Every structure is written in C-alpha cells, then in structure tokens.
Amino acid sequence: MLALITGNLISTRKYLDIAARDALLAMGAAALAMMPDRPRTKERAQMPARGCGWTDRDDPRSVH
C-alpha cells in the first residue's frame, strides 16, 4: 500500500519528501515481515531487583 502511495506522490512531482518517507517505511515494513520469529523459551529471564538501595519507608530520602 505504501508503495502505491509513494508511486502516486512521485508521479505528481509534489511532496517528494513524503514520498521518500513512505518508500523508507515500506522497505522497513518489508524487512520486518521477512524476519524469522524468535524462538520461544520455556523460562523467562529474571529481571534484577529495582530500587535505590534502602527499603525503609520512613526514610526522608525514600521515593515511596
């Protein structure tokens, strides 16, 4: 679809910047469509614990 819009914009000789943008979006979409699916893993990666290093909620420096 974006390729058709790009062709139309180029044929009118107007909005060539938009035509270039649409052409690049079409190429990016085609590249993403050709990428293989990532393999599924049984285990999820564990995220490190987030925090500021203290757990006391009465501490005035606490962001809680």
PDB file of N, CA and C in Angstrom:
ATOM      1  N   MET A   1       0.822  -1.194   0.000  1.00  0.00           N
ATOM      2  CA  MET A   1       0.000   0.000   0.000  1.00  0.00           C
ATOM      3  C   MET A   1       0.870   1.263   0.000  1.00  0.00           C
ATOM      4  N   LEU A   2       1.896   1.259   0.855  1.00  0.00           N
ATOM      5  CA  LEU A   2       2.781   2.430   0.890  1.00  0.00           C
ATOM      6  C   LEU A   2       3.518   2.613  -0.429  1.00  0.00           C
ATOM      7  N   ALA A   3       3.814   1.517  -1.102  1.00  0.00           N
ATOM      8  CA  ALA A   3       4.492   1.618  -2.393  1.00  0.00           C
ATOM      9  C   ALA A   3       3.590   2.311  -3.417  1.00  0.00           C
ATOM     10  N   LEU A   4       2.301   2.020  -3.357  1.00  0.00           N
ATOM     11  CA  LEU A   4       1.360   2.670  -4.277  1.00  0.00           C
ATOM     12  C   LEU A   4       1.232   4.165  -3.970  1.00  0.00           C
ATOM     13  N   ILE A   5       1.194   4.485  -2.695  1.00  0.00           N
ATOM     14  CA  ILE A   5       1.121   5.897  -2.305  1.00  0.00           C
ATOM     15  C   ILE A   5       2.385   6.615  -2.746  1.00  0.00           C
ATOM     16  N   THR A   6       3.538   5.960  -2.572  1.00  0.00           N
ATOM     17  CA  THR A   6       4.804   6.554  -2.998  1.00  0.00           C
ATOM     18  C   THR A   6       4.807   6.808  -4.494  1.00  0.00           C
ATOM     19  N   GLY A   7       4.352   5.818  -5.256  1.00  0.00           N
ATOM     20  CA  GLY A   7       4.295   5.981  -6.709  1.00  0.00           C
ATOM     21  C   GLY A   7       3.389   7.121  -7.119  1.00  0.00           C
ATOM     22  N   ASN A   8       2.269   7.259  -6.452  1.00  0.00           N
ATOM     23  CA  ASN A   8       1.339   8.342  -6.755  1.00  0.00           C
ATOM     24  C   ASN A   8       1.967   9.702  -6.453  1.00  0.00           C
ATOM     25  N   LEU A   9       2.648   9.800  -5.303  1.00  0.00           N
ATOM     26  CA  LEU A   9       3.266  11.076  -4.945  1.00  0.00           C
ATOM     27  C   LEU A   9       4.399  11.442  -5.895  1.00  0.00           C
ATOM     28  N   ILE A  10       5.157  10.446  -6.325  1.00  0.00           N
ATOM     29  CA  ILE A  10       6.252  10.720  -7.269  1.00  0.00           C
ATOM     30  C   ILE A  10       5.693  11.132  -8.629  1.00  0.00           C
ATOM     31  N   SER A  11       4.591  10.513  -9.051  1.00  0.00           N
ATOM     32  CA  SER A  11       4.022  10.826 -10.361  1.00  0.00           C
ATOM     33  C   SER A  11       3.475  12.255 -10.423  1.00  0.00           C
ATOM     34  N   THR A  12       3.065  12.803  -9.289  1.00  0.00           N
ATOM     35  CA  THR A  12       2.545  14.165  -9.284  1.00  0.00           C
ATOM     36  C   THR A  12       3.660  15.205  -9.144  1.00  0.00           C
ATOM     37  N   ARG A  13       4.881  14.735  -8.849  1.00  0.00           N
ATOM     38  CA  ARG A  13       6.045  15.620  -8.688  1.00  0.00           C
ATOM     39  C   ARG A  13       5.869  16.611  -7.534  1.00  0.00           C
ATOM     40  N   LYS A  14       4.980  16.289  -6.610  1.00  0.00           N
ATOM     41  CA  LYS A  14       4.796  17.098  -5.414  1.00  0.00           C
ATOM     42  C   LYS A  14       5.061  16.225  -4.203  1.00  0.00           C
ATOM     43  N   TYR A  15       5.380  16.835  -3.115  1.00  0.00           N
ATOM     44  CA  TYR A  15       5.572  16.138  -1.844  1.00  0.00           C
ATOM     45  C   TYR A  15       6.590  15.002  -1.960  1.00  0.00           C
ATOM     46  N   LEU A  16       7.722  15.290  -2.576  1.00  0.00           N
ATOM     47  CA  LEU A  16       8.738  14.255  -2.751  1.00  0.00           C
ATOM     48  C   LEU A  16       9.335  13.826  -1.417  1.00  0.00           C
ATOM     49  N   ASP A  17       9.351  14.711  -0.433  1.00  0.00           N
ATOM     50  CA  ASP A  17       9.848  14.317   0.884  1.00  0.00           C
ATOM     51  C   ASP A  17       8.932  13.281   1.531  1.00  0.00           C
ATOM     52  N   ILE A  18       7.632  13.453   1.344  1.00  0.00           N
ATOM     53  CA  ILE A  18       6.673  12.481   1.882  1.00  0.00           C
ATOM     54  C   ILE A  18       6.793  11.164   1.119  1.00  0.00           C
ATOM     55  N   ALA A  19       7.042  11.251  -0.186  1.00  0.00           N
ATOM     56  CA  ALA A  19       7.225  10.037  -0.988  1.00  0.00           C
ATOM     57  C   ALA A  19       8.457   9.270  -0.517  1.00  0.00           C
ATOM     58  N   ALA A  20       9.532   9.971  -0.213  1.00  0.00           N
ATOM     59  CA  ALA A  20      10.747   9.310   0.286  1.00  0.00           C
ATOM     60  C   ALA A  20      10.477   8.657   1.632  1.00  0.00           C
ATOM     61  N   ARG A  21       9.750   9.352   2.505  1.00  0.00           N
ATOM     62  CA  ARG A  21       9.418   8.782   3.812  1.00  0.00           C
ATOM     63  C   ARG A  21       8.592   7.509   3.651  1.00  0.00           C
ATOM     64  N   ASP A  22       7.578   7.547   2.787  1.00  0.00           N
ATOM     65  CA  ASP A  22       6.730   6.379   2.581  1.00  0.00           C
ATOM     66  C   ASP A  22       7.510   5.219   1.979  1.00  0.00           C
ATOM     67  N   ALA A  23       8.447   5.526   1.080  1.00  0.00           N
ATOM     68  CA  ALA A  23       9.268   4.472   0.484  1.00  0.00           C
ATOM     69  C   ALA A  23      10.129   3.801   1.548  1.00  0.00           C
ATOM     70  N   LEU A  24      10.711   4.589   2.436  1.00  0.00           N
ATOM     71  CA  LEU A  24      11.528   4.014   3.504  1.00  0.00           C
ATOM     72  C   LEU A  24      10.682   3.216   4.487  1.00  0.00           C
ATOM     73  N   LEU A  25       9.491   3.694   4.788  1.00  0.00           N
ATOM     74  CA  LEU A  25       8.588   2.931   5.666  1.00  0.00           C
ATOM     75  C   LEU A  25       8.198   1.597   5.022  1.00  0.00           C
ATOM     76  N   ALA A  26       7.967   1.604   3.720  1.00  0.00           N
ATOM     77  CA  ALA A  26       7.606   0.369   3.022  1.00  0.00           C
ATOM     78  C   ALA A  26       8.766  -0.621   3.049  1.00  0.00           C
ATOM     79  N   MET A  27       9.986  -0.129   2.864  1.00  0.00           N
ATOM     80  CA  MET A  27      11.149  -1.018   2.908  1.00  0.00           C
ATOM     81  C   MET A  27      11.353  -1.579   4.312  1.00  0.00           C
ATOM     82  N   GLY A  28      11.156  -0.747   5.319  1.00  0.00           N
ATOM     83  CA  GLY A  28      11.283  -1.221   6.692  1.00  0.00           C
ATOM     84  C   GLY A  28      10.234  -2.253   7.038  1.00  0.00           C
ATOM     85  N   ALA A  29       9.012  -2.029   6.585  1.00  0.00           N
ATOM     86  CA  ALA A  29       7.936  -2.986   6.842  1.00  0.00           C
ATOM     87  C   ALA A  29       8.211  -4.315   6.139  1.00  0.00           C
ATOM     88  N   ALA A  30       8.742  -4.249   4.923  1.00  0.00           N
ATOM     89  CA  ALA A  30       9.074  -5.480   4.199  1.00  0.00           C
ATOM     90  C   ALA A  30      10.203  -6.231   4.907  1.00  0.00           C
ATOM     91  N   ALA A  31      11.195  -5.492   5.410  1.00  0.00           N
ATOM     92  CA  ALA A  31      12.303  -6.134   6.123  1.00  0.00           C
ATOM     93  C   ALA A  31      11.804  -6.798   7.402  1.00  0.00           C
ATOM     94  N   LEU A  32      10.917  -6.143   8.133  1.00  0.00           N
ATOM     95  CA  LEU A  32      10.363  -6.743   9.344  1.00  0.00           C
ATOM     96  C   LEU A  32       9.514  -7.972   9.031  1.00  0.00           C
ATOM     97  N   ALA A  33       8.797  -7.932   7.929  1.00  0.00           N
ATOM     98  CA  ALA A  33       7.959  -9.069   7.551  1.00  0.00           C
ATOM     99  C   ALA A  33       8.801 -10.280   7.182  1.00  0.00           C
ATOM    100  N   MET A  34      10.010 -10.093   6.693  1.00  0.00           N
ATOM    101  CA  MET A  34      10.881 -11.198   6.309  1.00  0.00           C
ATOM    102  C   MET A  34      11.669 -11.771   7.471  1.00  0.00           C
ATOM    103  N   MET A  35      11.678 -11.097   8.613  1.00  0.00           N
ATOM    104  CA  MET A  35      12.440 -11.587   9.757  1.00  0.00           C
ATOM    105  C   MET A  35      11.782 -12.837  10.323  1.00  0.00           C
ATOM    106  N   PRO A  36      12.603 -13.816  10.707  1.00  0.00           N
ATOM    107  CA  PRO A  36      12.015 -15.020  11.300  1.00  0.00           C
ATOM    108  C   PRO A  36      11.524 -14.729  12.708  1.00  0.00           C
ATOM    109  N   ASP A  37      10.554 -15.522  13.135  1.00  0.00           N
ATOM    110  CA  ASP A  37      10.062 -15.390  14.506  1.00  0.00           C
ATOM    111  C   ASP A  37      11.157 -15.819  15.461  1.00  0.00           C
ATOM    112  N   ARG A  38      11.198 -15.190  16.606  1.00  0.00           N
ATOM    113  CA  ARG A  38      12.205 -15.593  17.587  1.00  0.00           C
ATOM    114  C   ARG A  38      11.757 -16.878  18.250  1.00  0.00           C
ATOM    115  N   PRO A  39      12.692 -17.727  18.593  1.00  0.00           N
ATOM    116  CA  PRO A  39      12.288 -18.993  19.217  1.00  0.00           C
ATOM    117  C   PRO A  39      11.706 -18.755  20.604  1.00  0.00           C
ATOM    118  N   ARG A  40      10.737 -19.528  20.945  1.00  0.00           N
ATOM    119  CA  ARG A  40      10.107 -19.422  22.258  1.00  0.00           C
ATOM    120  C   ARG A  40      11.004 -20.085  23.292  1.00  0.00           C
ATOM    121  N   THR A  41      11.114 -19.484  24.446  1.00  0.00           N
ATOM    122  CA  THR A  41      11.874 -20.081  25.533  1.00  0.00           C
ATOM    123  C   THR A  41      10.907 -20.509  26.625  1.00  0.00           C
ATOM    124  N   LYS A  42      11.277 -21.564  27.330  1.00  0.00           N
ATOM    125  CA  LYS A  42      10.408 -22.064  28.389  1.00  0.00           C
ATOM    126  C   LYS A  42      10.494 -21.205  29.630  1.00  0.00           C
ATOM    127  N   GLU A  43      11.670 -20.650  29.883  1.00  0.00           N
ATOM    128  CA  GLU A  43      11.856 -19.840  31.081  1.00  0.00           C
ATOM    129  C   GLU A  43      11.995 -18.378  30.697  1.00  0.00           C
ATOM    130  N   ARG A  44      11.419 -17.546  31.511  1.00  0.00           N
ATOM    131  CA  ARG A  44      11.561 -16.106  31.305  1.00  0.00           C
ATOM    132  C   ARG A  44      12.831 -15.643  31.981  1.00  0.00           C
ATOM    133  N   ALA A  45      13.482 -14.690  31.402  1.00  0.00           N
ATOM    134  CA  ALA A  45      14.686 -14.123  32.004  1.00  0.00           C
ATOM    135  C   ALA A  45      14.299 -13.368  33.265  1.00  0.00           C
ATOM    136  N   GLN A  46      15.081 -13.527  34.303  1.00  0.00           N
ATOM    137  CA  GLN A  46      14.816 -12.854  35.564  1.00  0.00           C
ATOM    138  C   GLN A  46      15.372 -11.435  35.507  1.00  0.00           C
ATOM    139  N   MET A  47      14.543 -10.488  35.836  1.00  0.00           N
ATOM    140  CA  MET A  47      14.964  -9.097  35.870  1.00  0.00           C
ATOM    141  C   MET A  47      15.612  -8.811  37.214  1.00  0.00           C
ATOM    142  N   PRO A  48      16.667  -8.012  37.233  1.00  0.00           N
ATOM    143  CA  PRO A  48      17.268  -7.662  38.516  1.00  0.00           C
ATOM    144  C   PRO A  48      16.307  -6.792  39.330  1.00  0.00           C
ATOM    145  N   ALA A  49      16.433  -6.899  40.637  1.00  0.00           N
ATOM    146  CA  ALA A  49      15.569  -6.113  41.515  1.00  0.00           C
ATOM    147  C   ALA A  49      15.868  -4.632  41.335  1.00  0.00           C
ATOM    148  N   ARG A  50      14.809  -3.845  41.302  1.00  0.00           N
ATOM    149  CA  ARG A  50      14.979  -2.398  41.175  1.00  0.00           C
ATOM    150  C   ARG A  50      14.886  -1.775  42.546  1.00  0.00           C
ATOM    151  N   GLY A  51      15.553  -0.691  42.712  1.00  0.00           N
ATOM    152  CA  GLY A  51      15.464   0.004  43.985  1.00  0.00           C
ATOM    153  C   GLY A  51      16.615   0.979  44.143  1.00  0.00           C
ATOM    154  N   CYS A  52      16.551   1.723  45.204  1.00  0.00           N
ATOM    155  CA  CYS A  52      17.563   2.734  45.459  1.00  0.00           C
ATOM    156  C   CYS A  52      18.580   2.286  46.497  1.00  0.00           C
ATOM    157  N   GLY A  53      18.430   1.081  47.024  1.00  0.00           N
ATOM    158  CA  GLY A  53      19.390   0.590  47.981  1.00  0.00           C
ATOM    159  C   GLY A  53      18.896   0.622  49.412  1.00  0.00           C
ATOM    160  N   TRP A  54      17.771   1.259  49.675  1.00  0.00           N
ATOM    161  CA  TRP A  54      17.210   1.254  51.021  1.00  0.00           C
ATOM    162  C   TRP A  54      15.741   0.866  50.922  1.00  0.00           C
ATOM    163  N   THR A  55      15.237   0.307  52.009  1.00  0.00           N
ATOM    164  CA  THR A  55      13.856  -0.162  51.985  1.00  0.00           C
ATOM    165  C   THR A  55      13.006   0.471  53.076  1.00  0.00           C
ATOM    166  N   ASP A  56      13.567   1.352  53.863  1.00  0.00           N
ATOM    167  CA  ASP A  56      12.837   1.970  54.962  1.00  0.00           C
ATOM    168  C   ASP A  56      11.924   3.068  54.420  1.00  0.00           C
ATOM    169  N   ARG A  57      10.617   2.912  54.572  1.00  0.00           N
ATOM    170  CA  ARG A  57       9.673   3.907  54.058  1.00  0.00           C
ATOM    171  C   ARG A  57       9.644   5.188  54.886  1.00  0.00           C
ATOM    172  N   ASP A  58      10.140   5.122  56.121  1.00  0.00           N
ATOM    173  CA  ASP A  58      10.160   6.321  56.960  1.00  0.00           C
ATOM    174  C   ASP A  58      11.377   7.198  56.682  1.00  0.00           C
ATOM    175  N   ASP A  59      12.268   6.723  55.848  1.00  0.00           N
ATOM    176  CA  ASP A  59      13.460   7.483  55.500  1.00  0.00           C
ATOM    177  C   ASP A  59      13.039   8.681  54.630  1.00  0.00           C
ATOM    178  N   PRO A  60      13.439   9.899  54.967  1.00  0.00           N
ATOM    179  CA  PRO A  60      13.026  11.073  54.167  1.00  0.00           C
ATOM    180  C   PRO A  60      13.580  11.036  52.743  1.00  0.00           C
ATOM    181  N   ARG A  61      14.610  10.264  52.521  1.00  0.00           N
ATOM    182  CA  ARG A  61      15.165  10.157  51.161  1.00  0.00           C
ATOM    183  C   ARG A  61      14.395   9.173  50.306  1.00  0.00           C
ATOM    184  N   SER A  62      13.439   8.460  50.898  1.00  0.00           N
ATOM    185  CA  SER A  62      12.708   7.422  50.193  1.00  0.00           C
ATOM    186  C   SER A  62      11.803   8.049  49.126  1.00  0.00           C
ATOM    187  N   VAL A  63      11.681   7.363  48.025  1.00  0.00           N
ATOM    188  CA  VAL A  63      10.837   7.862  46.926  1.00  0.00           C
ATOM    189  C   VAL A  63       9.447   7.229  46.972  1.00  0.00           C
ATOM    190  N   HIS A  64       9.135   6.463  48.019  1.00  0.00           N
ATOM    191  CA  HIS A  64       7.834   5.790  48.106  1.00  0.00           C
ATOM    192  C   HIS A  64       6.777   6.726  48.565  1.00  0.00           C
TER     193      HIS A  64
END
